[in-house]
Amino acid sequence: MLEITEAKRGVTVEMDGNLYSIVEYQHIKMGRGSAQVRLKLKDVRGGHTVERTFQSGERLKRAEVELSSAEYLYKDDDFYYFMDQETFDQVPLGSQQLGDAVNYLKEQMIIRLSKYKGEAIGIELPLSVDLAITETGPSFKGDTASAGTKPATMETGLIVHVPMFLSAGTVIRVDTRTGAYLGKA
């Protein structure tokens, strides 16, 4: 069991017979009343989100999720295929299960595959990935890293705000949690 005050982003819980991943956690303390915790939860299988409020002291059942190493292989229609590094099985996951993670996936990338009772339910990305800029505005002589930013389209379709001096073809490091530019790779 998981104390509601110990809940954090990314934890998978069982509630009402469904699996939910915690997307947002907000602790609310009202004047005289007891503290409350508001959670934004994503249905792991269905893909929709719900918001629920809990009283301090309530407990949630933590889902027993297994993590294994997997390699991203390819995309076919709405499914993304991964190969489990231990069993060499190909595992398909839909884009609604992956959410924003599809913006960071490159072929042959090693990720962590989440399984619940043998069923693949999602992935965990590394903290940062290296992506090549495919399209961006022009750069000018004298532009520096602190002068400002411009939008750049990455090889996966993700749009990241980068310093003005970067141009197409440059490989940069991007934070997978926030989508922010971290530096040149």
N, C-alpha and C. Protein backbone atom coordinates (compact mmCIF):
# COMPACT_ATOMS: atom_id res chain seq x y z
N MET A 1 0.84 -1.19 0.00
CA MET A 1 0.00 0.00 0.00
C MET A 1 0.88 1.24 0.00
N LEU A 2 0.35 2.28 -0.59
CA LEU A 2 1.07 3.53 -0.75
C LEU A 2 0.31 4.63 -0.03
N GLU A 3 0.96 5.25 0.94
CA GLU A 3 0.37 6.39 1.64
C GLU A 3 0.17 7.51 0.62
N ILE A 4 -0.98 8.18 0.63
CA ILE A 4 -1.30 9.19 -0.38
C ILE A 4 -0.28 10.33 -0.39
N THR A 5 0.31 10.64 0.76
CA THR A 5 1.30 11.72 0.82
C THR A 5 2.65 11.28 0.22
N GLU A 6 2.84 9.97 0.00
CA GLU A 6 4.06 9.46 -0.61
C GLU A 6 3.94 9.30 -2.12
N ALA A 7 2.77 9.61 -2.66
CA ALA A 7 2.55 9.48 -4.11
C ALA A 7 3.42 10.48 -4.85
N LYS A 8 3.91 10.08 -6.01
CA LYS A 8 4.71 10.99 -6.83
C LYS A 8 4.49 10.67 -8.30
N ARG A 9 4.93 11.57 -9.13
CA ARG A 9 4.75 11.46 -10.58
C ARG A 9 5.41 10.19 -11.10
N GLY A 10 4.68 9.46 -11.97
CA GLY A 10 5.23 8.26 -12.59
C GLY A 10 4.89 6.96 -11.90
N VAL A 11 4.38 7.01 -10.67
CA VAL A 11 4.02 5.80 -9.93
C VAL A 11 2.72 5.23 -10.50
N THR A 12 2.66 3.91 -10.64
CA THR A 12 1.47 3.24 -11.15
C THR A 12 0.70 2.64 -9.98
N VAL A 13 -0.62 2.92 -9.94
CA VAL A 13 -1.47 2.44 -8.86
C VAL A 13 -2.67 1.70 -9.42
N GLU A 14 -3.26 0.82 -8.59
CA GLU A 14 -4.49 0.12 -8.93
C GLU A 14 -5.63 0.80 -8.21
N MET A 15 -6.71 1.14 -8.96
CA MET A 15 -7.85 1.81 -8.36
C MET A 15 -9.09 1.43 -9.15
N ASP A 16 -10.13 1.02 -8.49
CA ASP A 16 -11.40 0.65 -9.13
C ASP A 16 -11.22 -0.39 -10.23
N GLY A 17 -10.27 -1.31 -10.06
CA GLY A 17 -10.04 -2.36 -11.03
C GLY A 17 -9.25 -1.92 -12.26
N ASN A 18 -8.77 -0.69 -12.29
CA ASN A 18 -7.99 -0.18 -13.42
C ASN A 18 -6.59 0.21 -12.95
N LEU A 19 -5.69 0.31 -13.92
CA LEU A 19 -4.34 0.78 -13.65
C LEU A 19 -4.23 2.25 -14.03
N TYR A 20 -3.66 3.05 -13.14
CA TYR A 20 -3.48 4.48 -13.40
C TYR A 20 -2.04 4.87 -13.10
N SER A 21 -1.52 5.76 -13.92
CA SER A 21 -0.20 6.33 -13.71
C SER A 21 -0.39 7.76 -13.22
N ILE A 22 0.34 8.15 -12.18
CA ILE A 22 0.19 9.50 -11.64
C ILE A 22 0.92 10.48 -12.55
N VAL A 23 0.17 11.47 -13.06
CA VAL A 23 0.71 12.47 -13.97
C VAL A 23 1.08 13.74 -13.20
N GLU A 24 0.19 14.16 -12.30
CA GLU A 24 0.43 15.36 -11.49
C GLU A 24 0.04 15.09 -10.05
N TYR A 25 0.76 15.72 -9.14
CA TYR A 25 0.52 15.58 -7.71
C TYR A 25 0.45 16.99 -7.12
N GLN A 26 -0.63 17.28 -6.39
CA GLN A 26 -0.77 18.61 -5.78
C GLN A 26 -1.27 18.45 -4.35
N HIS A 27 -0.52 19.00 -3.40
CA HIS A 27 -0.87 18.95 -1.98
C HIS A 27 -1.61 20.24 -1.64
N ILE A 28 -2.81 20.12 -1.07
CA ILE A 28 -3.63 21.30 -0.77
C ILE A 28 -3.93 21.31 0.73
N LYS A 29 -3.63 22.44 1.39
CA LYS A 29 -3.92 22.59 2.82
C LYS A 29 -4.89 23.75 2.97
N MET A 30 -6.11 23.44 3.38
CA MET A 30 -7.13 24.45 3.62
C MET A 30 -6.97 24.98 5.04
N GLY A 31 -7.55 26.11 5.31
CA GLY A 31 -7.44 26.77 6.61
C GLY A 31 -7.60 25.87 7.80
N ARG A 32 -8.82 25.42 8.09
CA ARG A 32 -9.06 24.61 9.28
C ARG A 32 -9.19 23.13 9.00
N GLY A 33 -9.47 22.79 7.77
CA GLY A 33 -9.69 21.39 7.43
C GLY A 33 -8.40 20.60 7.32
N SER A 34 -8.58 19.32 7.05
CA SER A 34 -7.40 18.47 6.89
C SER A 34 -6.81 18.67 5.50
N ALA A 35 -5.58 18.27 5.34
CA ALA A 35 -4.90 18.40 4.06
C ALA A 35 -5.51 17.45 3.05
N GLN A 36 -5.49 17.86 1.80
CA GLN A 36 -5.98 17.04 0.71
C GLN A 36 -4.89 16.91 -0.34
N VAL A 37 -4.98 15.83 -1.10
CA VAL A 37 -4.05 15.61 -2.20
C VAL A 37 -4.88 15.43 -3.46
N ARG A 38 -4.58 16.26 -4.47
CA ARG A 38 -5.27 16.17 -5.75
C ARG A 38 -4.32 15.52 -6.74
N LEU A 39 -4.77 14.42 -7.34
CA LEU A 39 -3.96 13.68 -8.31
C LEU A 39 -4.60 13.74 -9.68
N LYS A 40 -3.77 13.92 -10.69
CA LYS A 40 -4.20 13.78 -12.07
C LYS A 40 -3.67 12.42 -12.50
N LEU A 41 -4.57 11.52 -12.87
CA LEU A 41 -4.22 10.14 -13.16
C LEU A 41 -4.51 9.80 -14.62
N LYS A 42 -3.61 9.05 -15.25
CA LYS A 42 -3.80 8.61 -16.63
C LYS A 42 -4.10 7.12 -16.62
N ASP A 43 -5.20 6.73 -17.24
CA ASP A 43 -5.55 5.33 -17.37
C ASP A 43 -4.52 4.68 -18.29
N VAL A 44 -3.79 3.70 -17.79
CA VAL A 44 -2.69 3.11 -18.53
C VAL A 44 -3.18 2.40 -19.79
N ARG A 45 -4.30 1.71 -19.70
CA ARG A 45 -4.80 0.96 -20.85
C ARG A 45 -5.67 1.82 -21.76
N GLY A 46 -6.49 2.66 -21.19
CA GLY A 46 -7.43 3.47 -21.97
C GLY A 46 -6.84 4.76 -22.52
N GLY A 47 -5.89 5.34 -21.81
CA GLY A 47 -5.24 6.55 -22.28
C GLY A 47 -5.88 7.85 -21.81
N HIS A 48 -7.10 7.79 -21.25
CA HIS A 48 -7.75 9.03 -20.79
C HIS A 48 -7.25 9.41 -19.39
N THR A 49 -7.45 10.69 -19.03
CA THR A 49 -7.02 11.16 -17.72
C THR A 49 -8.22 11.51 -16.85
N VAL A 50 -8.04 11.36 -15.55
CA VAL A 50 -9.05 11.72 -14.56
C VAL A 50 -8.36 12.45 -13.42
N GLU A 51 -9.13 13.27 -12.72
CA GLU A 51 -8.61 13.94 -11.52
C GLU A 51 -9.38 13.43 -10.33
N ARG A 52 -8.67 13.11 -9.26
CA ARG A 52 -9.28 12.63 -8.03
C ARG A 52 -8.65 13.36 -6.86
N THR A 53 -9.47 13.61 -5.83
CA THR A 53 -8.99 14.26 -4.61
C THR A 53 -9.08 13.26 -3.47
N PHE A 54 -8.03 13.17 -2.67
CA PHE A 54 -7.95 12.25 -1.55
C PHE A 54 -7.67 13.01 -0.27
N GLN A 55 -8.18 12.51 0.83
CA GLN A 55 -7.88 13.08 2.13
C GLN A 55 -6.52 12.56 2.59
N SER A 56 -5.82 13.38 3.35
CA SER A 56 -4.54 12.96 3.90
C SER A 56 -4.77 11.74 4.79
N GLY A 57 -3.93 10.73 4.65
CA GLY A 57 -4.08 9.51 5.43
C GLY A 57 -4.66 8.36 4.63
N GLU A 58 -5.29 8.63 3.48
CA GLU A 58 -5.81 7.56 2.65
C GLU A 58 -4.66 6.80 2.01
N ARG A 59 -4.96 5.58 1.57
CA ARG A 59 -3.94 4.74 0.96
C ARG A 59 -4.39 4.27 -0.42
N LEU A 60 -3.41 4.08 -1.30
CA LEU A 60 -3.66 3.54 -2.63
C LEU A 60 -2.89 2.23 -2.77
N LYS A 61 -3.40 1.35 -3.62
CA LYS A 61 -2.69 0.09 -3.85
C LYS A 61 -1.71 0.29 -4.99
N ARG A 62 -0.43 0.14 -4.68
CA ARG A 62 0.62 0.29 -5.69
C ARG A 62 0.63 -0.94 -6.58
N ALA A 63 0.67 -0.73 -7.89
CA ALA A 63 0.71 -1.84 -8.84
C ALA A 63 2.12 -2.40 -8.90
N GLU A 64 2.22 -3.72 -8.95
CA GLU A 64 3.52 -4.39 -9.04
C GLU A 64 3.95 -4.40 -10.50
N VAL A 65 4.73 -3.40 -10.88
CA VAL A 65 5.17 -3.24 -12.26
C VAL A 65 6.60 -3.75 -12.38
N GLU A 66 6.83 -4.59 -13.39
CA GLU A 66 8.17 -5.11 -13.67
C GLU A 66 8.78 -4.26 -14.77
N LEU A 67 10.06 -3.98 -14.65
CA LEU A 67 10.78 -3.22 -15.67
C LEU A 67 11.82 -4.12 -16.32
N SER A 68 11.88 -4.06 -17.65
CA SER A 68 12.90 -4.82 -18.37
C SER A 68 13.46 -3.96 -19.49
N SER A 69 14.65 -4.27 -19.90
CA SER A 69 15.32 -3.51 -20.96
C SER A 69 14.75 -3.93 -22.31
N ALA A 70 14.51 -2.92 -23.18
CA ALA A 70 13.97 -3.21 -24.51
C ALA A 70 14.54 -2.23 -25.52
N GLU A 71 14.54 -2.64 -26.78
CA GLU A 71 15.03 -1.80 -27.88
C GLU A 71 13.87 -1.40 -28.77
N TYR A 72 13.79 -0.10 -29.09
CA TYR A 72 12.75 0.37 -30.01
C TYR A 72 13.13 -0.04 -31.43
N LEU A 73 12.21 -0.73 -32.12
CA LEU A 73 12.49 -1.23 -33.45
C LEU A 73 11.94 -0.33 -34.55
N TYR A 74 10.60 -0.18 -34.60
CA TYR A 74 9.99 0.58 -35.68
C TYR A 74 8.55 0.94 -35.34
N LYS A 75 7.97 1.81 -36.19
CA LYS A 75 6.57 2.23 -36.05
C LYS A 75 5.80 1.70 -37.25
N ASP A 76 4.62 1.17 -36.99
CA ASP A 76 3.74 0.67 -38.05
C ASP A 76 2.33 1.14 -37.74
N ASP A 77 1.81 2.06 -38.55
CA ASP A 77 0.50 2.68 -38.34
C ASP A 77 0.47 3.35 -36.96
N ASP A 78 -0.39 2.86 -36.06
CA ASP A 78 -0.54 3.48 -34.74
C ASP A 78 0.25 2.73 -33.67
N PHE A 79 1.01 1.72 -34.06
CA PHE A 79 1.72 0.91 -33.08
C PHE A 79 3.24 1.09 -33.20
N TYR A 80 3.89 1.04 -32.04
CA TYR A 80 5.33 1.13 -31.93
C TYR A 80 5.82 -0.22 -31.42
N TYR A 81 6.84 -0.77 -32.06
CA TYR A 81 7.30 -2.11 -31.72
C TYR A 81 8.64 -2.06 -30.99
N PHE A 82 8.71 -2.83 -29.91
CA PHE A 82 9.89 -2.91 -29.06
C PHE A 82 10.31 -4.37 -28.95
N MET A 83 11.62 -4.62 -28.81
CA MET A 83 12.12 -5.98 -28.61
C MET A 83 12.67 -6.10 -27.20
N ASP A 84 12.08 -6.99 -26.43
CA ASP A 84 12.55 -7.27 -25.08
C ASP A 84 13.96 -7.84 -25.17
N GLN A 85 14.92 -7.26 -24.46
CA GLN A 85 16.32 -7.66 -24.53
C GLN A 85 16.59 -9.01 -23.86
N GLU A 86 15.67 -9.47 -23.00
CA GLU A 86 15.88 -10.75 -22.32
C GLU A 86 15.25 -11.91 -23.07
N THR A 87 14.01 -11.72 -23.55
CA THR A 87 13.29 -12.81 -24.21
C THR A 87 13.30 -12.69 -25.73
N PHE A 88 13.70 -11.55 -26.27
CA PHE A 88 13.72 -11.25 -27.70
C PHE A 88 12.32 -11.29 -28.33
N ASP A 89 11.29 -11.12 -27.51
CA ASP A 89 9.92 -11.02 -28.02
C ASP A 89 9.68 -9.61 -28.52
N GLN A 90 8.89 -9.49 -29.61
CA GLN A 90 8.50 -8.17 -30.08
C GLN A 90 7.20 -7.78 -29.38
N VAL A 91 7.19 -6.57 -28.82
CA VAL A 91 6.06 -6.09 -28.04
C VAL A 91 5.50 -4.83 -28.71
N PRO A 92 4.22 -4.86 -29.15
CA PRO A 92 3.63 -3.64 -29.73
C PRO A 92 2.94 -2.80 -28.65
N LEU A 93 3.09 -1.48 -28.74
CA LEU A 93 2.39 -0.56 -27.86
C LEU A 93 1.76 0.53 -28.71
N GLY A 94 0.52 0.89 -28.39
CA GLY A 94 -0.19 1.93 -29.12
C GLY A 94 0.29 3.32 -28.73
N SER A 95 0.05 4.29 -29.62
CA SER A 95 0.50 5.66 -29.35
C SER A 95 -0.22 6.25 -28.14
N GLN A 96 -1.46 5.83 -27.84
CA GLN A 96 -2.14 6.36 -26.65
C GLN A 96 -1.51 5.84 -25.38
N GLN A 97 -0.91 4.64 -25.40
CA GLN A 97 -0.22 4.12 -24.23
C GLN A 97 1.10 4.84 -24.00
N LEU A 98 1.74 5.27 -25.07
CA LEU A 98 3.05 5.92 -24.97
C LEU A 98 2.96 7.40 -24.69
N GLY A 99 1.89 8.05 -25.14
CA GLY A 99 1.71 9.48 -24.88
C GLY A 99 2.80 10.31 -25.55
N ASP A 100 3.38 11.26 -24.80
CA ASP A 100 4.41 12.15 -25.33
C ASP A 100 5.74 11.46 -25.58
N ALA A 101 5.91 10.25 -25.10
CA ALA A 101 7.17 9.53 -25.28
C ALA A 101 7.49 9.30 -26.76
N VAL A 102 6.48 9.29 -27.62
CA VAL A 102 6.72 9.05 -29.05
C VAL A 102 7.59 10.15 -29.66
N ASN A 103 7.61 11.34 -29.06
CA ASN A 103 8.41 12.45 -29.58
C ASN A 103 9.91 12.26 -29.35
N TYR A 104 10.29 11.29 -28.54
CA TYR A 104 11.69 11.09 -28.20
C TYR A 104 12.25 9.77 -28.71
N LEU A 105 11.42 8.94 -29.35
CA LEU A 105 11.85 7.62 -29.77
C LEU A 105 12.62 7.65 -31.09
N LYS A 106 13.78 7.00 -31.09
CA LYS A 106 14.59 6.80 -32.29
C LYS A 106 14.85 5.31 -32.42
N GLU A 107 14.95 4.83 -33.66
CA GLU A 107 15.21 3.42 -33.87
C GLU A 107 16.51 2.99 -33.19
N GLN A 108 16.51 1.78 -32.65
CA GLN A 108 17.63 1.15 -31.93
C GLN A 108 17.91 1.80 -30.57
N MET A 109 16.99 2.61 -30.09
CA MET A 109 17.13 3.24 -28.77
C MET A 109 16.76 2.23 -27.68
N ILE A 110 17.55 2.19 -26.61
CA ILE A 110 17.28 1.28 -25.49
C ILE A 110 16.45 2.03 -24.45
N ILE A 111 15.32 1.45 -24.08
CA ILE A 111 14.42 2.03 -23.08
C ILE A 111 14.11 0.95 -22.04
N ARG A 112 13.29 1.31 -21.05
CA ARG A 112 12.83 0.33 -20.06
C ARG A 112 11.34 0.09 -20.30
N LEU A 113 10.98 -1.16 -20.49
CA LEU A 113 9.61 -1.57 -20.77
C LEU A 113 8.91 -1.92 -19.46
N SER A 114 7.73 -1.33 -19.23
CA SER A 114 6.95 -1.59 -18.02
C SER A 114 5.94 -2.69 -18.30
N LYS A 115 5.91 -3.72 -17.44
CA LYS A 115 4.96 -4.82 -17.59
C LYS A 115 4.18 -5.01 -16.30
N TYR A 116 2.90 -5.30 -16.46
CA TYR A 116 2.03 -5.60 -15.32
C TYR A 116 1.40 -6.95 -15.57
N LYS A 117 1.72 -7.93 -14.74
CA LYS A 117 1.24 -9.30 -14.87
C LYS A 117 1.50 -9.84 -16.28
N GLY A 118 2.70 -9.56 -16.81
CA GLY A 118 3.10 -10.06 -18.11
C GLY A 118 2.64 -9.22 -19.30
N GLU A 119 1.78 -8.25 -19.07
CA GLU A 119 1.27 -7.40 -20.15
C GLU A 119 2.05 -6.09 -20.20
N ALA A 120 2.55 -5.72 -21.39
CA ALA A 120 3.28 -4.47 -21.55
C ALA A 120 2.31 -3.31 -21.42
N ILE A 121 2.63 -2.33 -20.55
CA ILE A 121 1.72 -1.20 -20.31
C ILE A 121 2.33 0.14 -20.64
N GLY A 122 3.65 0.21 -20.85
CA GLY A 122 4.26 1.49 -21.15
C GLY A 122 5.77 1.39 -21.16
N ILE A 123 6.42 2.57 -21.28
CA ILE A 123 7.88 2.61 -21.30
C ILE A 123 8.39 3.71 -20.38
N GLU A 124 9.65 3.58 -20.00
CA GLU A 124 10.37 4.63 -19.27
C GLU A 124 11.53 5.06 -20.14
N LEU A 125 11.58 6.35 -20.45
CA LEU A 125 12.65 6.89 -21.27
C LEU A 125 13.86 7.23 -20.43
N PRO A 126 15.05 7.33 -21.05
CA PRO A 126 16.19 7.88 -20.31
C PRO A 126 15.92 9.35 -20.01
N LEU A 127 16.68 9.95 -19.10
CA LEU A 127 16.44 11.35 -18.72
C LEU A 127 16.68 12.32 -19.87
N SER A 128 17.57 11.97 -20.78
CA SER A 128 17.81 12.84 -21.94
C SER A 128 18.11 11.99 -23.17
N VAL A 129 17.81 12.57 -24.35
CA VAL A 129 18.09 11.89 -25.62
C VAL A 129 18.78 12.87 -26.55
N ASP A 130 19.56 12.33 -27.48
CA ASP A 130 20.23 13.15 -28.49
C ASP A 130 19.42 13.10 -29.77
N LEU A 131 19.00 14.27 -30.25
CA LEU A 131 18.20 14.38 -31.46
C LEU A 131 18.83 15.38 -32.42
N ALA A 132 18.68 15.13 -33.71
CA ALA A 132 19.22 16.03 -34.73
C ALA A 132 18.15 17.05 -35.13
N ILE A 133 18.58 18.29 -35.34
CA ILE A 133 17.68 19.34 -35.81
C ILE A 133 17.50 19.16 -37.31
N THR A 134 16.23 19.08 -37.77
CA THR A 134 15.97 18.93 -39.20
C THR A 134 15.57 20.25 -39.84
N GLU A 135 14.97 21.13 -39.04
CA GLU A 135 14.50 22.39 -39.61
C GLU A 135 14.48 23.47 -38.53
N THR A 136 15.01 24.64 -38.87
CA THR A 136 14.99 25.77 -37.96
C THR A 136 15.23 27.05 -38.76
N GLY A 137 15.01 28.17 -38.12
CA GLY A 137 15.24 29.46 -38.78
C GLY A 137 16.72 29.69 -39.01
N PRO A 138 17.07 30.74 -39.76
CA PRO A 138 18.48 31.01 -40.05
C PRO A 138 19.24 31.45 -38.81
N SER A 139 20.56 31.18 -38.81
CA SER A 139 21.42 31.67 -37.72
C SER A 139 22.27 32.80 -38.29
N PHE A 140 22.62 33.70 -37.42
CA PHE A 140 23.38 34.88 -37.83
C PHE A 140 24.68 34.95 -37.07
N LYS A 141 25.69 35.52 -37.69
CA LYS A 141 26.99 35.69 -37.05
C LYS A 141 26.82 36.59 -35.83
N GLY A 142 27.43 36.22 -34.74
CA GLY A 142 27.34 37.02 -33.52
C GLY A 142 26.27 36.54 -32.56
N ASP A 143 25.41 35.60 -33.00
CA ASP A 143 24.41 35.06 -32.07
C ASP A 143 25.10 34.22 -31.02
N THR A 144 24.66 34.36 -29.78
CA THR A 144 25.26 33.60 -28.68
C THR A 144 24.20 32.77 -27.99
N ALA A 145 24.63 31.95 -27.08
CA ALA A 145 23.71 31.05 -26.38
C ALA A 145 22.73 31.82 -25.50
N SER A 146 23.07 33.02 -25.06
CA SER A 146 22.20 33.75 -24.14
C SER A 146 21.36 34.82 -24.85
N ALA A 147 21.49 34.94 -26.18
CA ALA A 147 20.80 36.01 -26.91
C ALA A 147 19.30 35.79 -27.03
N GLY A 148 18.85 34.58 -27.09
CA GLY A 148 17.44 34.29 -27.27
C GLY A 148 17.29 32.89 -27.84
N THR A 149 16.05 32.53 -28.14
CA THR A 149 15.81 31.20 -28.69
C THR A 149 14.93 31.28 -29.92
N LYS A 150 14.91 30.18 -30.66
CA LYS A 150 14.06 30.04 -31.83
C LYS A 150 13.55 28.61 -31.85
N PRO A 151 12.38 28.36 -32.44
CA PRO A 151 11.87 26.99 -32.50
C PRO A 151 12.64 26.16 -33.53
N ALA A 152 12.87 24.91 -33.20
CA ALA A 152 13.56 23.99 -34.10
C ALA A 152 12.80 22.66 -34.11
N THR A 153 12.65 22.09 -35.29
CA THR A 153 11.99 20.80 -35.43
C THR A 153 13.04 19.70 -35.41
N MET A 154 12.83 18.71 -34.55
CA MET A 154 13.77 17.60 -34.41
C MET A 154 13.42 16.49 -35.41
N GLU A 155 14.29 15.50 -35.51
CA GLU A 155 14.08 14.38 -36.43
C GLU A 155 12.84 13.56 -36.10
N THR A 156 12.36 13.63 -34.88
CA THR A 156 11.16 12.89 -34.48
C THR A 156 9.88 13.72 -34.62
N GLY A 157 10.01 15.00 -34.99
CA GLY A 157 8.86 15.88 -35.12
C GLY A 157 8.64 16.79 -33.92
N LEU A 158 9.39 16.57 -32.86
CA LEU A 158 9.30 17.38 -31.65
C LEU A 158 9.82 18.79 -31.93
N ILE A 159 9.15 19.80 -31.40
CA ILE A 159 9.61 21.19 -31.54
C ILE A 159 10.22 21.63 -30.22
N VAL A 160 11.49 22.09 -30.28
CA VAL A 160 12.25 22.50 -29.11
C VAL A 160 12.76 23.91 -29.35
N HIS A 161 12.74 24.74 -28.32
CA HIS A 161 13.32 26.09 -28.42
C HIS A 161 14.82 25.99 -28.16
N VAL A 162 15.60 26.40 -29.16
CA VAL A 162 17.05 26.28 -29.10
C VAL A 162 17.69 27.66 -29.25
N PRO A 163 18.98 27.80 -28.86
CA PRO A 163 19.67 29.09 -29.04
C PRO A 163 19.74 29.47 -30.53
N MET A 164 19.87 30.76 -30.78
CA MET A 164 19.84 31.28 -32.14
C MET A 164 20.99 30.78 -33.02
N PHE A 165 22.13 30.41 -32.44
CA PHE A 165 23.28 30.04 -33.26
C PHE A 165 23.21 28.63 -33.83
N LEU A 166 22.26 27.79 -33.40
CA LEU A 166 22.17 26.42 -33.90
C LEU A 166 21.49 26.38 -35.25
N SER A 167 21.91 25.44 -36.09
CA SER A 167 21.34 25.31 -37.43
C SER A 167 20.94 23.86 -37.69
N ALA A 168 20.28 23.62 -38.81
CA ALA A 168 19.84 22.27 -39.19
C ALA A 168 21.04 21.35 -39.30
N GLY A 169 20.87 20.11 -38.86
CA GLY A 169 21.95 19.13 -38.89
C GLY A 169 22.68 18.99 -37.56
N THR A 170 22.53 19.96 -36.68
CA THR A 170 23.20 19.92 -35.37
C THR A 170 22.48 18.91 -34.47
N VAL A 171 23.24 18.12 -33.75
CA VAL A 171 22.68 17.16 -32.80
C VAL A 171 22.71 17.79 -31.42
N ILE A 172 21.54 17.80 -30.77
CA ILE A 172 21.43 18.40 -29.44
C ILE A 172 20.89 17.39 -28.43
N ARG A 173 21.07 17.69 -27.16
CA ARG A 173 20.55 16.86 -26.08
C ARG A 173 19.28 17.51 -25.56
N VAL A 174 18.19 16.71 -25.42
CA VAL A 174 16.88 17.19 -25.01
C VAL A 174 16.44 16.43 -23.76
N ASP A 175 15.91 17.16 -22.77
CA ASP A 175 15.38 16.58 -21.54
C ASP A 175 14.04 15.93 -21.86
N THR A 176 13.88 14.62 -21.57
CA THR A 176 12.64 13.91 -21.90
C THR A 176 11.50 14.23 -20.94
N ARG A 177 11.80 14.79 -19.78
CA ARG A 177 10.73 15.14 -18.82
C ARG A 177 10.07 16.44 -19.17
N THR A 178 10.85 17.42 -19.69
CA THR A 178 10.32 18.76 -19.96
C THR A 178 10.34 19.15 -21.43
N GLY A 179 11.12 18.45 -22.25
CA GLY A 179 11.24 18.80 -23.65
C GLY A 179 12.15 20.01 -23.87
N ALA A 180 12.99 20.33 -22.90
CA ALA A 180 13.85 21.52 -22.97
C ALA A 180 15.22 21.16 -23.55
N TYR A 181 15.82 22.14 -24.19
CA TYR A 181 17.18 22.04 -24.74
C TYR A 181 18.17 22.00 -23.58
N LEU A 182 19.08 21.03 -23.60
CA LEU A 182 20.09 20.90 -22.55
C LEU A 182 21.48 21.32 -23.02
N GLY A 183 21.75 21.18 -24.30
CA GLY A 183 23.07 21.52 -24.84
C GLY A 183 23.36 20.72 -26.08
N LYS A 184 24.51 21.01 -26.69
CA LYS A 184 24.94 20.24 -27.85
C LYS A 184 25.38 18.85 -27.40
N ALA A 185 25.15 17.87 -28.27
CA ALA A 185 25.55 16.49 -27.94
C ALA A 185 26.96 16.22 -28.41
